[in-house]
Amino acid sequence: MTLIKLFISFFKIGAFSFGGGYAMLPLIKEEIIEVHGWLSNAEFIDILAISEMTPGPIAINSATFLGYRVSGIMGSFVATIAVVLPSFIIMSIIFHFLNKFKDSSYTDWFFIGIRPIVLGLIASASISVAMDAFIDVKSVLISLGIFYLVAFKKFNPIYAIILAGITGVIFY
């Protein structure tokens, strides 16, 4: 029964989340914390941190980790397959039709219309994660410092993760 719940939850996440892993975060959070109670908010933030530090898309890493946590290796397999299956199905269908209509101005307008939606989903995910990640002034300062280094000084993100971890150890 748990494997079926995992499959349905991550299939839904894969099917109804557009714009990549960050756009999926609100739906992932709702499914695994609010609907099923598989994780707490703090554990969700930890999964995001682990998913960011490991290679691969955040949705797949989250599905794999959570599936393993809930139902072992089989849960990991089921959740990972479930989160990528909708994309595979949808992209196969889109490819078929996109080849037919690739020169249509309607297709261009459709993609132009989707861009703001994706940006809104990413902004929503950022705010949602920030609400749980900022526990005091020190955490806000670390976040702003790392943001400044990466966004404006073109600091290497890998070094930024290491620096943030070291800073966290020093401050906490």
N, C-alpha and C. Protein backbone atom coordinates (compact mmCIF):
# COMPACT_ATOMS: atom_id res chain seq x y z
N MET A 1 0.82 -1.20 0.00
CA MET A 1 0.00 0.00 0.00
C MET A 1 0.86 1.26 0.00
N THR A 2 1.96 1.26 0.77
CA THR A 2 2.85 2.41 0.83
C THR A 2 3.51 2.64 -0.52
N LEU A 3 3.86 1.57 -1.22
CA LEU A 3 4.48 1.71 -2.54
C LEU A 3 3.50 2.35 -3.53
N ILE A 4 2.24 2.00 -3.41
CA ILE A 4 1.23 2.60 -4.29
C ILE A 4 1.09 4.09 -3.98
N LYS A 5 1.08 4.44 -2.70
CA LYS A 5 1.00 5.85 -2.31
C LYS A 5 2.21 6.63 -2.81
N LEU A 6 3.39 6.01 -2.69
CA LEU A 6 4.61 6.65 -3.21
C LEU A 6 4.50 6.88 -4.71
N PHE A 7 4.06 5.84 -5.43
CA PHE A 7 3.95 5.95 -6.88
C PHE A 7 2.97 7.06 -7.27
N ILE A 8 1.80 7.06 -6.67
CA ILE A 8 0.77 8.06 -7.01
C ILE A 8 1.27 9.47 -6.68
N SER A 9 1.87 9.64 -5.51
CA SER A 9 2.35 10.96 -5.10
C SER A 9 3.41 11.49 -6.06
N PHE A 10 4.40 10.67 -6.36
CA PHE A 10 5.48 11.15 -7.22
C PHE A 10 5.09 11.20 -8.69
N PHE A 11 4.14 10.38 -9.10
CA PHE A 11 3.61 10.50 -10.46
C PHE A 11 2.89 11.84 -10.60
N LYS A 12 2.11 12.19 -9.57
CA LYS A 12 1.41 13.47 -9.56
C LYS A 12 2.41 14.63 -9.59
N ILE A 13 3.46 14.53 -8.80
CA ILE A 13 4.50 15.57 -8.78
C ILE A 13 5.13 15.71 -10.16
N GLY A 14 5.45 14.59 -10.77
CA GLY A 14 6.04 14.62 -12.10
C GLY A 14 5.09 15.12 -13.18
N ALA A 15 3.81 14.85 -13.02
CA ALA A 15 2.83 15.21 -14.05
C ALA A 15 2.38 16.66 -13.96
N PHE A 16 2.33 17.22 -12.78
CA PHE A 16 1.74 18.54 -12.61
C PHE A 16 2.73 19.62 -12.21
N SER A 17 4.00 19.35 -12.35
CA SER A 17 5.01 20.35 -12.03
C SER A 17 5.76 20.70 -13.30
N PHE A 18 5.72 21.97 -13.64
CA PHE A 18 6.38 22.42 -14.86
C PHE A 18 7.49 23.39 -14.49
N GLY A 19 8.59 23.33 -15.22
CA GLY A 19 9.65 24.30 -15.02
C GLY A 19 10.84 23.77 -14.26
N GLY A 20 10.93 22.50 -14.04
CA GLY A 20 12.09 21.95 -13.37
C GLY A 20 11.88 21.73 -11.88
N GLY A 21 12.96 21.29 -11.24
CA GLY A 21 12.89 20.89 -9.84
C GLY A 21 12.42 21.96 -8.88
N TYR A 22 12.90 23.19 -9.05
CA TYR A 22 12.51 24.24 -8.12
C TYR A 22 11.03 24.57 -8.24
N ALA A 23 10.50 24.48 -9.43
CA ALA A 23 9.07 24.72 -9.60
C ALA A 23 8.24 23.59 -8.97
N MET A 24 8.84 22.42 -8.79
CA MET A 24 8.15 21.28 -8.19
C MET A 24 8.09 21.37 -6.67
N LEU A 25 8.92 22.20 -6.07
CA LEU A 25 9.04 22.20 -4.61
C LEU A 25 7.73 22.40 -3.87
N PRO A 26 6.87 23.35 -4.27
CA PRO A 26 5.61 23.48 -3.52
C PRO A 26 4.76 22.20 -3.54
N LEU A 27 4.70 21.54 -4.68
CA LEU A 27 3.91 20.32 -4.77
C LEU A 27 4.58 19.17 -4.01
N ILE A 28 5.91 19.08 -4.09
CA ILE A 28 6.63 18.05 -3.33
C ILE A 28 6.38 18.26 -1.84
N LYS A 29 6.49 19.50 -1.40
CA LYS A 29 6.29 19.81 0.02
C LYS A 29 4.88 19.44 0.46
N GLU A 30 3.90 19.81 -0.34
CA GLU A 30 2.51 19.50 0.01
C GLU A 30 2.29 18.00 0.11
N GLU A 31 2.78 17.25 -0.87
CA GLU A 31 2.57 15.80 -0.89
C GLU A 31 3.27 15.08 0.26
N ILE A 32 4.54 15.39 0.49
CA ILE A 32 5.29 14.58 1.46
C ILE A 32 5.16 15.06 2.90
N ILE A 33 4.81 16.34 3.09
CA ILE A 33 4.67 16.85 4.45
C ILE A 33 3.20 16.92 4.86
N GLU A 34 2.41 17.63 4.07
CA GLU A 34 1.04 17.92 4.47
C GLU A 34 0.08 16.76 4.22
N VAL A 35 0.19 16.11 3.06
CA VAL A 35 -0.75 15.04 2.74
C VAL A 35 -0.40 13.74 3.45
N HIS A 36 0.87 13.33 3.35
CA HIS A 36 1.25 12.01 3.89
C HIS A 36 2.01 12.06 5.21
N GLY A 37 2.59 13.21 5.55
CA GLY A 37 3.34 13.31 6.80
C GLY A 37 4.59 12.46 6.84
N TRP A 38 5.20 12.23 5.67
CA TRP A 38 6.41 11.42 5.63
C TRP A 38 7.63 12.14 6.19
N LEU A 39 7.60 13.48 6.17
CA LEU A 39 8.72 14.28 6.67
C LEU A 39 8.19 15.49 7.44
N SER A 40 9.06 16.06 8.26
CA SER A 40 8.77 17.35 8.89
C SER A 40 9.35 18.45 8.00
N ASN A 41 9.04 19.71 8.30
CA ASN A 41 9.59 20.82 7.54
C ASN A 41 11.11 20.83 7.59
N ALA A 42 11.67 20.59 8.76
CA ALA A 42 13.13 20.58 8.90
C ALA A 42 13.76 19.45 8.08
N GLU A 43 13.14 18.28 8.09
CA GLU A 43 13.66 17.16 7.30
C GLU A 43 13.56 17.46 5.81
N PHE A 44 12.51 18.17 5.40
CA PHE A 44 12.34 18.56 4.00
C PHE A 44 13.49 19.47 3.57
N ILE A 45 13.85 20.43 4.41
CA ILE A 45 14.97 21.32 4.11
C ILE A 45 16.25 20.51 4.01
N ASP A 46 16.43 19.51 4.88
CA ASP A 46 17.62 18.66 4.82
C ASP A 46 17.68 17.89 3.50
N ILE A 47 16.54 17.38 3.04
CA ILE A 47 16.50 16.66 1.76
C ILE A 47 16.88 17.60 0.62
N LEU A 48 16.39 18.82 0.67
CA LEU A 48 16.75 19.79 -0.36
C LEU A 48 18.24 20.05 -0.37
N ALA A 49 18.82 20.18 0.82
CA ALA A 49 20.27 20.41 0.90
C ALA A 49 21.04 19.23 0.33
N ILE A 50 20.62 18.02 0.68
CA ILE A 50 21.28 16.82 0.17
C ILE A 50 21.10 16.73 -1.35
N SER A 51 19.89 17.03 -1.83
CA SER A 51 19.62 16.97 -3.27
C SER A 51 20.45 17.99 -4.04
N GLU A 52 20.71 19.14 -3.44
CA GLU A 52 21.51 20.17 -4.10
C GLU A 52 22.99 19.78 -4.14
N MET A 53 23.44 19.03 -3.16
CA MET A 53 24.86 18.67 -3.09
C MET A 53 25.20 17.45 -3.94
N THR A 54 24.21 16.72 -4.37
CA THR A 54 24.47 15.53 -5.17
C THR A 54 24.13 15.79 -6.63
N PRO A 55 24.80 15.10 -7.54
CA PRO A 55 24.51 15.32 -8.96
C PRO A 55 23.11 14.83 -9.32
N GLY A 56 22.50 15.51 -10.27
CA GLY A 56 21.19 15.09 -10.76
C GLY A 56 20.11 16.08 -10.41
N PRO A 57 18.97 15.93 -11.06
CA PRO A 57 17.84 16.83 -10.82
C PRO A 57 17.28 16.68 -9.41
N ILE A 58 16.83 17.78 -8.86
CA ILE A 58 16.35 17.82 -7.48
C ILE A 58 15.13 16.91 -7.28
N ALA A 59 14.24 16.85 -8.26
CA ALA A 59 13.04 16.02 -8.10
C ALA A 59 13.40 14.54 -8.04
N ILE A 60 14.33 14.13 -8.88
CA ILE A 60 14.74 12.72 -8.89
C ILE A 60 15.49 12.38 -7.60
N ASN A 61 16.40 13.27 -7.19
CA ASN A 61 17.13 13.02 -5.94
C ASN A 61 16.18 12.96 -4.75
N SER A 62 15.22 13.87 -4.72
CA SER A 62 14.25 13.88 -3.61
C SER A 62 13.40 12.62 -3.63
N ALA A 63 12.93 12.23 -4.82
CA ALA A 63 12.09 11.02 -4.92
C ALA A 63 12.88 9.79 -4.49
N THR A 64 14.11 9.70 -4.94
CA THR A 64 14.94 8.54 -4.61
C THR A 64 15.19 8.47 -3.11
N PHE A 65 15.57 9.60 -2.52
CA PHE A 65 15.86 9.63 -1.08
C PHE A 65 14.61 9.35 -0.25
N LEU A 66 13.51 10.03 -0.58
CA LEU A 66 12.29 9.85 0.20
C LEU A 66 11.74 8.43 0.04
N GLY A 67 11.78 7.92 -1.20
CA GLY A 67 11.32 6.56 -1.44
C GLY A 67 12.10 5.56 -0.59
N TYR A 68 13.41 5.76 -0.52
CA TYR A 68 14.25 4.87 0.29
C TYR A 68 13.89 5.01 1.77
N ARG A 69 13.67 6.23 2.19
CA ARG A 69 13.35 6.47 3.61
C ARG A 69 12.01 5.84 4.01
N VAL A 70 11.05 5.89 3.09
CA VAL A 70 9.71 5.39 3.40
C VAL A 70 9.62 3.87 3.24
N SER A 71 10.21 3.33 2.16
CA SER A 71 10.04 1.89 1.87
C SER A 71 11.30 1.20 1.37
N GLY A 72 12.45 1.67 1.75
CA GLY A 72 13.68 0.98 1.38
C GLY A 72 14.01 1.09 -0.11
N ILE A 73 14.76 0.13 -0.60
CA ILE A 73 15.23 0.16 -1.98
C ILE A 73 14.06 0.11 -2.96
N MET A 74 13.06 -0.70 -2.68
CA MET A 74 11.91 -0.78 -3.58
C MET A 74 11.16 0.55 -3.62
N GLY A 75 11.03 1.22 -2.49
CA GLY A 75 10.39 2.53 -2.44
C GLY A 75 11.17 3.56 -3.23
N SER A 76 12.48 3.47 -3.14
CA SER A 76 13.35 4.35 -3.90
C SER A 76 13.14 4.17 -5.40
N PHE A 77 13.08 2.93 -5.82
CA PHE A 77 12.88 2.61 -7.24
C PHE A 77 11.51 3.10 -7.71
N VAL A 78 10.47 2.81 -6.94
CA VAL A 78 9.10 3.18 -7.32
C VAL A 78 8.95 4.70 -7.40
N ALA A 79 9.44 5.43 -6.41
CA ALA A 79 9.30 6.90 -6.40
C ALA A 79 10.08 7.53 -7.55
N THR A 80 11.26 7.01 -7.83
CA THR A 80 12.08 7.57 -8.92
C THR A 80 11.43 7.33 -10.27
N ILE A 81 10.96 6.12 -10.51
CA ILE A 81 10.27 5.82 -11.78
C ILE A 81 9.01 6.67 -11.91
N ALA A 82 8.27 6.81 -10.81
CA ALA A 82 7.01 7.55 -10.85
C ALA A 82 7.22 9.03 -11.18
N VAL A 83 8.29 9.64 -10.67
CA VAL A 83 8.49 11.07 -10.91
C VAL A 83 8.95 11.36 -12.34
N VAL A 84 9.63 10.41 -12.99
CA VAL A 84 10.09 10.65 -14.37
C VAL A 84 9.13 10.13 -15.43
N LEU A 85 8.26 9.21 -15.08
CA LEU A 85 7.36 8.62 -16.05
C LEU A 85 6.44 9.64 -16.74
N PRO A 86 5.82 10.57 -16.01
CA PRO A 86 4.98 11.55 -16.70
C PRO A 86 5.75 12.40 -17.73
N SER A 87 6.96 12.79 -17.39
CA SER A 87 7.77 13.57 -18.33
C SER A 87 8.06 12.78 -19.59
N PHE A 88 8.37 11.52 -19.43
CA PHE A 88 8.63 10.67 -20.58
C PHE A 88 7.40 10.57 -21.47
N ILE A 89 6.25 10.35 -20.86
CA ILE A 89 5.00 10.22 -21.62
C ILE A 89 4.65 11.55 -22.30
N ILE A 90 4.70 12.63 -21.52
CA ILE A 90 4.33 13.95 -22.06
C ILE A 90 5.29 14.37 -23.18
N MET A 91 6.58 14.17 -22.98
CA MET A 91 7.56 14.58 -24.00
C MET A 91 7.41 13.75 -25.28
N SER A 92 7.05 12.50 -25.14
CA SER A 92 6.82 11.68 -26.34
C SER A 92 5.64 12.21 -27.14
N ILE A 93 4.59 12.58 -26.44
CA ILE A 93 3.41 13.14 -27.12
C ILE A 93 3.72 14.50 -27.72
N ILE A 94 4.39 15.36 -26.95
CA ILE A 94 4.73 16.70 -27.43
C ILE A 94 5.63 16.63 -28.66
N PHE A 95 6.62 15.76 -28.62
CA PHE A 95 7.53 15.63 -29.75
C PHE A 95 6.77 15.30 -31.03
N HIS A 96 5.82 14.42 -30.89
CA HIS A 96 5.01 14.03 -32.05
C HIS A 96 4.29 15.24 -32.65
N PHE A 97 3.65 16.04 -31.78
CA PHE A 97 2.88 17.18 -32.26
C PHE A 97 3.73 18.41 -32.55
N LEU A 98 4.81 18.58 -31.83
CA LEU A 98 5.67 19.75 -32.05
C LEU A 98 6.32 19.70 -33.42
N ASN A 99 6.68 18.54 -33.85
CA ASN A 99 7.23 18.41 -35.21
C ASN A 99 6.21 18.86 -36.25
N LYS A 100 4.94 18.60 -35.99
CA LYS A 100 3.88 18.99 -36.92
C LYS A 100 3.66 20.50 -36.94
N PHE A 101 3.78 21.13 -35.75
CA PHE A 101 3.43 22.54 -35.61
C PHE A 101 4.61 23.43 -35.23
N LYS A 102 5.83 23.00 -35.51
CA LYS A 102 7.01 23.75 -35.05
C LYS A 102 7.13 25.14 -35.66
N ASP A 103 6.55 25.37 -36.81
CA ASP A 103 6.64 26.68 -37.46
C ASP A 103 5.42 27.55 -37.19
N SER A 104 4.54 27.12 -36.34
CA SER A 104 3.31 27.87 -36.04
C SER A 104 3.59 28.99 -35.03
N SER A 105 3.02 30.13 -35.26
CA SER A 105 3.17 31.24 -34.31
C SER A 105 2.42 30.93 -33.00
N TYR A 106 1.39 30.11 -33.06
CA TYR A 106 0.67 29.72 -31.84
C TYR A 106 1.59 28.95 -30.89
N THR A 107 2.45 28.12 -31.45
CA THR A 107 3.39 27.37 -30.63
C THR A 107 4.34 28.34 -29.93
N ASP A 108 4.84 29.33 -30.67
CA ASP A 108 5.71 30.34 -30.06
C ASP A 108 4.99 31.10 -28.95
N TRP A 109 3.75 31.49 -29.18
CA TRP A 109 2.98 32.22 -28.19
C TRP A 109 2.74 31.38 -26.94
N PHE A 110 2.50 30.09 -27.15
CA PHE A 110 2.29 29.19 -26.03
C PHE A 110 3.52 29.19 -25.11
N PHE A 111 4.70 29.03 -25.70
CA PHE A 111 5.93 28.99 -24.90
C PHE A 111 6.23 30.33 -24.25
N ILE A 112 5.91 31.42 -24.91
CA ILE A 112 6.07 32.74 -24.31
C ILE A 112 5.13 32.89 -23.11
N GLY A 113 3.93 32.35 -23.21
CA GLY A 113 2.96 32.41 -22.11
C GLY A 113 3.34 31.57 -20.91
N ILE A 114 4.06 30.49 -21.14
CA ILE A 114 4.44 29.60 -20.03
C ILE A 114 5.58 30.19 -19.19
N ARG A 115 6.45 30.98 -19.78
CA ARG A 115 7.62 31.49 -19.05
C ARG A 115 7.27 32.19 -17.74
N PRO A 116 6.30 33.12 -17.72
CA PRO A 116 5.98 33.77 -16.44
C PRO A 116 5.44 32.80 -15.39
N ILE A 117 4.73 31.77 -15.83
CA ILE A 117 4.20 30.78 -14.90
C ILE A 117 5.35 30.04 -14.21
N VAL A 118 6.34 29.66 -15.00
CA VAL A 118 7.50 28.95 -14.45
C VAL A 118 8.24 29.85 -13.45
N LEU A 119 8.43 31.11 -13.81
CA LEU A 119 9.09 32.05 -12.90
C LEU A 119 8.29 32.19 -11.60
N GLY A 120 6.98 32.27 -11.70
CA GLY A 120 6.13 32.36 -10.50
C GLY A 120 6.24 31.13 -9.62
N LEU A 121 6.29 29.96 -10.22
CA LEU A 121 6.43 28.72 -9.45
C LEU A 121 7.78 28.67 -8.73
N ILE A 122 8.83 29.09 -9.42
CA ILE A 122 10.16 29.10 -8.80
C ILE A 122 10.20 30.11 -7.65
N ALA A 123 9.60 31.29 -7.85
CA ALA A 123 9.55 32.30 -6.79
C ALA A 123 8.77 31.77 -5.58
N SER A 124 7.65 31.10 -5.84
CA SER A 124 6.85 30.53 -4.77
C SER A 124 7.65 29.49 -3.98
N ALA A 125 8.37 28.64 -4.70
CA ALA A 125 9.20 27.62 -4.04
C ALA A 125 10.29 28.28 -3.20
N SER A 126 10.90 29.32 -3.73
CA SER A 126 11.97 30.01 -2.99
C SER A 126 11.44 30.60 -1.68
N ILE A 127 10.29 31.24 -1.75
CA ILE A 127 9.70 31.84 -0.55
C ILE A 127 9.31 30.76 0.45
N SER A 128 8.75 29.67 -0.04
CA SER A 128 8.34 28.57 0.83
C SER A 128 9.54 27.97 1.56
N VAL A 129 10.62 27.73 0.84
CA VAL A 129 11.82 27.16 1.44
C VAL A 129 12.45 28.17 2.40
N ALA A 130 12.46 29.44 2.03
CA ALA A 130 13.05 30.47 2.88
C ALA A 130 12.33 30.56 4.22
N MET A 131 11.02 30.42 4.21
CA MET A 131 10.25 30.51 5.46
C MET A 131 10.67 29.43 6.45
N ASP A 132 11.05 28.28 5.95
CA ASP A 132 11.46 27.19 6.84
C ASP A 132 12.96 27.23 7.13
N ALA A 133 13.75 27.78 6.21
CA ALA A 133 15.21 27.76 6.36
C ALA A 133 15.71 28.88 7.26
N PHE A 134 15.05 30.03 7.24
CA PHE A 134 15.50 31.16 8.05
C PHE A 134 15.01 30.98 9.48
N ILE A 135 15.94 30.59 10.35
CA ILE A 135 15.55 30.34 11.74
C ILE A 135 15.95 31.49 12.66
N ASP A 136 16.88 32.33 12.21
CA ASP A 136 17.30 33.50 12.99
C ASP A 136 18.06 34.46 12.07
N VAL A 137 18.57 35.52 12.66
CA VAL A 137 19.27 36.54 11.87
C VAL A 137 20.53 35.97 11.22
N LYS A 138 21.22 35.08 11.93
CA LYS A 138 22.45 34.49 11.38
C LYS A 138 22.17 33.72 10.08
N SER A 139 21.08 32.98 10.05
CA SER A 139 20.77 32.21 8.85
C SER A 139 20.43 33.14 7.68
N VAL A 140 19.78 34.26 7.97
CA VAL A 140 19.47 35.24 6.93
C VAL A 140 20.77 35.85 6.40
N LEU A 141 21.69 36.19 7.30
CA LEU A 141 22.96 36.80 6.88
C LEU A 141 23.80 35.82 6.04
N ILE A 142 23.84 34.56 6.45
CA ILE A 142 24.56 33.56 5.66
C ILE A 142 23.96 33.47 4.26
N SER A 143 22.64 33.40 4.19
CA SER A 143 21.95 33.30 2.90
C SER A 143 22.23 34.51 2.02
N LEU A 144 22.11 35.70 2.57
CA LEU A 144 22.37 36.92 1.79
C LEU A 144 23.82 37.00 1.33
N GLY A 145 24.74 36.60 2.20
CA GLY A 145 26.16 36.60 1.84
C GLY A 145 26.46 35.65 0.69
N ILE A 146 25.92 34.45 0.77
CA ILE A 146 26.15 33.46 -0.29
C ILE A 146 25.46 33.91 -1.58
N PHE A 147 24.25 34.45 -1.46
CA PHE A 147 23.55 34.97 -2.65
C PHE A 147 24.38 36.05 -3.33
N TYR A 148 24.91 36.98 -2.56
CA TYR A 148 25.73 38.06 -3.11
C TYR A 148 26.96 37.49 -3.84
N LEU A 149 27.64 36.57 -3.19
CA LEU A 149 28.85 36.00 -3.80
C LEU A 149 28.55 35.28 -5.12
N VAL A 150 27.49 34.48 -5.13
CA VAL A 150 27.17 33.70 -6.33
C VAL A 150 26.57 34.58 -7.42
N ALA A 151 25.63 35.46 -7.07
CA ALA A 151 24.90 36.25 -8.07
C ALA A 151 25.74 37.39 -8.64
N PHE A 152 26.50 38.06 -7.79
CA PHE A 152 27.18 39.28 -8.25
C PHE A 152 28.69 39.13 -8.41
N LYS A 153 29.29 38.23 -7.68
CA LYS A 153 30.74 38.04 -7.78
C LYS A 153 31.11 36.79 -8.57
N LYS A 154 30.09 36.08 -9.07
CA LYS A 154 30.28 34.86 -9.87
C LYS A 154 31.12 33.81 -9.13
N PHE A 155 30.89 33.72 -7.82
CA PHE A 155 31.56 32.74 -6.97
C PHE A 155 31.09 31.35 -7.35
N ASN A 156 31.96 30.39 -7.41
CA ASN A 156 31.64 29.02 -7.78
C ASN A 156 30.61 28.44 -6.80
N PRO A 157 29.47 27.92 -7.30
CA PRO A 157 28.44 27.38 -6.40
C PRO A 157 28.92 26.25 -5.50
N ILE A 158 29.85 25.45 -5.98
CA ILE A 158 30.37 24.35 -5.14
C ILE A 158 31.12 24.93 -3.94
N TYR A 159 31.94 25.94 -4.21
CA TYR A 159 32.65 26.59 -3.11
C TYR A 159 31.68 27.32 -2.19
N ALA A 160 30.59 27.83 -2.76
CA ALA A 160 29.58 28.53 -1.95
C ALA A 160 28.92 27.56 -0.97
N ILE A 161 28.63 26.34 -1.43
CA ILE A 161 28.03 25.33 -0.55
C ILE A 161 28.99 24.99 0.59
N ILE A 162 30.26 24.81 0.23
CA ILE A 162 31.27 24.49 1.25
C ILE A 162 31.42 25.65 2.23
N LEU A 163 31.49 26.87 1.71
CA LEU A 163 31.61 28.05 2.56
C LEU A 163 30.40 28.20 3.48
N ALA A 164 29.20 27.98 2.96
CA ALA A 164 28.00 28.07 3.77
C ALA A 164 28.01 27.03 4.88
N GLY A 165 28.45 25.82 4.55
CA GLY A 165 28.54 24.76 5.57
C GLY A 165 29.53 25.11 6.67
N ILE A 166 30.70 25.62 6.27
CA ILE A 166 31.72 26.02 7.26
C ILE A 166 31.19 27.17 8.13
N THR A 167 30.54 28.14 7.48
CA THR A 167 29.97 29.28 8.20
C THR A 167 28.91 28.81 9.20
N GLY A 168 28.09 27.86 8.78
CA GLY A 168 27.07 27.30 9.67
C GLY A 168 27.69 26.62 10.87
N VAL A 169 28.77 25.86 10.65
CA VAL A 169 29.46 25.20 11.76
C VAL A 169 30.03 26.23 12.73
N ILE A 170 30.60 27.30 12.19
CA ILE A 170 31.19 28.34 13.05
C ILE A 170 30.10 29.06 13.84
N PHE A 171 29.01 29.48 13.16
CA PHE A 171 27.96 30.25 13.83
C PHE A 171 27.08 29.42 14.76
N TYR A 172 26.94 28.14 14.47
CA TYR A 172 26.04 27.33 15.26
C TYR A 172 26.78 26.27 16.05
